[in-house]
Amino acid sequence: MKTPTGSVQRYLSYLTLFLIGASVLAIIAIMVCTGIFHLNIRTAQSSAWDYLFGLPLVALPLGVACIIALFIVNAVQRSRANRKVTK
């Protein structure tokens, strides 16, 4: 039987992977488009660029917060497991 803590850890790890991975891909896309294709960001009329530039600003801190939450959940699970063993 799976514990609810295991599913929380799995959810947090996938969420962390998604947030940080999307941020890294957005940063690479920004570097490629501005560096190789010489795209001037100020003249770009699409609002998609606004979202592309905003994604790492939001997703990276959320990814770090998910990593911290994952460590906390893991520490609580180990603490509960140690209590069960010592009883």
C-alpha atoms as a PDB file:
ATOM      1  CA  MET A   1       0.000   0.000   0.000  1.00  0.00           C
ATOM      2  CA  LYS A   2       1.370   3.393  -0.979  1.00  0.00           C
ATOM      3  CA  THR A   3       1.628   6.086   1.627  1.00  0.00           C
ATOM      4  CA  PRO A   4       0.197   9.553   0.977  1.00  0.00           C
ATOM      5  CA  THR A   5       3.628  11.009   1.699  1.00  0.00           C
ATOM      6  CA  GLY A   6       5.108   9.070  -1.205  1.00  0.00           C
ATOM      7  CA  SER A   7       2.579  10.525  -3.600  1.00  0.00           C
ATOM      8  CA  VAL A   8       3.251  14.028  -2.255  1.00  0.00           C
ATOM      9  CA  GLN A   9       6.967  13.529  -2.804  1.00  0.00           C
ATOM     10  CA  ARG A  10       6.349  12.265  -6.321  1.00  0.00           C
ATOM     11  CA  TYR A  11       4.075  15.212  -7.102  1.00  0.00           C
ATOM     12  CA  LEU A  12       6.599  17.727  -5.731  1.00  0.00           C
ATOM     13  CA  SER A  13       9.483  16.153  -7.637  1.00  0.00           C
ATOM     14  CA  TYR A  14       7.585  16.194 -10.946  1.00  0.00           C
ATOM     15  CA  LEU A  15       6.425  19.760 -10.328  1.00  0.00           C
ATOM     16  CA  THR A  16      10.003  20.815  -9.558  1.00  0.00           C
ATOM     17  CA  LEU A  17      11.273  19.109 -12.684  1.00  0.00           C
ATOM     18  CA  PHE A  18       8.608  20.769 -14.819  1.00  0.00           C
ATOM     19  CA  LEU A  19       9.091  24.279 -13.381  1.00  0.00           C
ATOM     20  CA  ILE A  20      12.874  24.313 -13.540  1.00  0.00           C
ATOM     21  CA  GLY A  21      12.930  22.539 -16.918  1.00  0.00           C
ATOM     22  CA  ALA A  22      10.480  25.028 -18.428  1.00  0.00           C
ATOM     23  CA  SER A  23      12.545  27.897 -17.036  1.00  0.00           C
ATOM     24  CA  VAL A  24      15.759  26.542 -18.488  1.00  0.00           C
ATOM     25  CA  LEU A  25      14.102  26.010 -21.873  1.00  0.00           C
ATOM     26  CA  ALA A  26      12.717  29.549 -21.791  1.00  0.00           C
ATOM     27  CA  ILE A  27      16.144  30.968 -20.970  1.00  0.00           C
ATOM     28  CA  ILE A  28      17.711  28.974 -23.820  1.00  0.00           C
ATOM     29  CA  ALA A  29      14.980  30.170 -26.211  1.00  0.00           C
ATOM     30  CA  ILE A  30      15.596  33.783 -25.189  1.00  0.00           C
ATOM     31  CA  MET A  31      19.346  33.411 -25.675  1.00  0.00           C
ATOM     32  CA  VAL A  32      18.954  31.754 -29.065  1.00  0.00           C
ATOM     33  CA  CYS A  33      16.417  34.231 -30.400  1.00  0.00           C
ATOM     34  CA  THR A  34      18.252  37.312 -29.208  1.00  0.00           C
ATOM     35  CA  GLY A  35      21.767  36.057 -29.920  1.00  0.00           C
ATOM     36  CA  ILE A  36      21.593  34.029 -33.095  1.00  0.00           C
ATOM     37  CA  PHE A  37      18.579  35.538 -34.817  1.00  0.00           C
ATOM     38  CA  HIS A  38      19.364  39.087 -33.618  1.00  0.00           C
ATOM     39  CA  LEU A  39      15.787  39.635 -32.579  1.00  0.00           C
ATOM     40  CA  ASN A  40      15.260  43.028 -31.027  1.00  0.00           C
ATOM     41  CA  ILE A  41      13.021  42.478 -28.056  1.00  0.00           C
ATOM     42  CA  ARG A  42      11.801  46.062 -27.917  1.00  0.00           C
ATOM     43  CA  THR A  43      10.406  45.877 -31.456  1.00  0.00           C
ATOM     44  CA  ALA A  44       8.787  42.459 -31.031  1.00  0.00           C
ATOM     45  CA  GLN A  45       5.040  43.036 -31.140  1.00  0.00           C
ATOM     46  CA  SER A  46       3.962  39.654 -29.819  1.00  0.00           C
ATOM     47  CA  SER A  47       2.825  39.243 -26.255  1.00  0.00           C
ATOM     48  CA  ALA A  48       4.294  35.733 -26.348  1.00  0.00           C
ATOM     49  CA  TRP A  49       7.695  37.306 -25.693  1.00  0.00           C
ATOM     50  CA  ASP A  50       6.328  38.886 -22.540  1.00  0.00           C
ATOM     51  CA  TYR A  51       5.290  35.469 -21.270  1.00  0.00           C
ATOM     52  CA  LEU A  52       8.591  33.936 -22.350  1.00  0.00           C
ATOM     53  CA  PHE A  53      10.535  36.563 -20.411  1.00  0.00           C
ATOM     54  CA  GLY A  54       8.244  36.294 -17.388  1.00  0.00           C
ATOM     55  CA  LEU A  55       8.291  32.511 -17.130  1.00  0.00           C
ATOM     56  CA  PRO A  56      11.760  32.154 -15.529  1.00  0.00           C
ATOM     57  CA  LEU A  57      11.006  35.024 -13.147  1.00  0.00           C
ATOM     58  CA  VAL A  58       8.084  33.086 -11.697  1.00  0.00           C
ATOM     59  CA  ALA A  59       8.952  29.430 -12.303  1.00  0.00           C
ATOM     60  CA  LEU A  60      12.501  29.371 -10.914  1.00  0.00           C
ATOM     61  CA  PRO A  61      11.553  30.669  -7.436  1.00  0.00           C
ATOM     62  CA  LEU A  62       8.574  28.299  -7.383  1.00  0.00           C
ATOM     63  CA  GLY A  63      10.896  25.431  -8.355  1.00  0.00           C
ATOM     64  CA  VAL A  64      13.248  26.297  -5.501  1.00  0.00           C
ATOM     65  CA  ALA A  65      10.284  26.471  -3.117  1.00  0.00           C
ATOM     66  CA  CYS A  66       9.203  23.011  -4.306  1.00  0.00           C
ATOM     67  CA  ILE A  67      12.690  21.656  -3.649  1.00  0.00           C
ATOM     68  CA  ILE A  68      12.602  23.077  -0.119  1.00  0.00           C
ATOM     69  CA  ALA A  69       9.127  21.610   0.436  1.00  0.00           C
ATOM     70  CA  LEU A  70      10.382  18.257  -0.877  1.00  0.00           C
ATOM     71  CA  PHE A  71      13.222  18.277   1.652  1.00  0.00           C
ATOM     72  CA  ILE A  72      10.795  19.117   4.451  1.00  0.00           C
ATOM     73  CA  VAL A  73       8.360  16.344   3.457  1.00  0.00           C
ATOM     74  CA  ASN A  74      11.250  13.885   3.237  1.00  0.00           C
ATOM     75  CA  ALA A  75      12.546  14.902   6.691  1.00  0.00           C
ATOM     76  CA  VAL A  76       9.083  14.496   8.232  1.00  0.00           C
ATOM     77  CA  GLN A  77       8.683  11.066   6.640  1.00  0.00           C
ATOM     78  CA  ARG A  78      12.071   9.911   7.929  1.00  0.00           C
ATOM     79  CA  SER A  79      11.286  11.259  11.381  1.00  0.00           C
ATOM     80  CA  ARG A  80       8.014   9.324  11.496  1.00  0.00           C
ATOM     81  CA  ALA A  81       9.743   6.188  10.250  1.00  0.00           C
ATOM     82  CA  ASN A  82      12.409   6.494  12.951  1.00  0.00           C
ATOM     83  CA  ARG A  83       9.743   6.908  15.626  1.00  0.00           C
ATOM     84  CA  LYS A  84       8.013   3.725  14.502  1.00  0.00           C
ATOM     85  CA  VAL A  85      11.270   1.779  14.595  1.00  0.00           C
ATOM     86  CA  THR A  86      12.254   2.946  18.070  1.00  0.00           C
ATOM     87  CA  LYS A  87       8.845   2.103  19.634  1.00  0.00           C
END
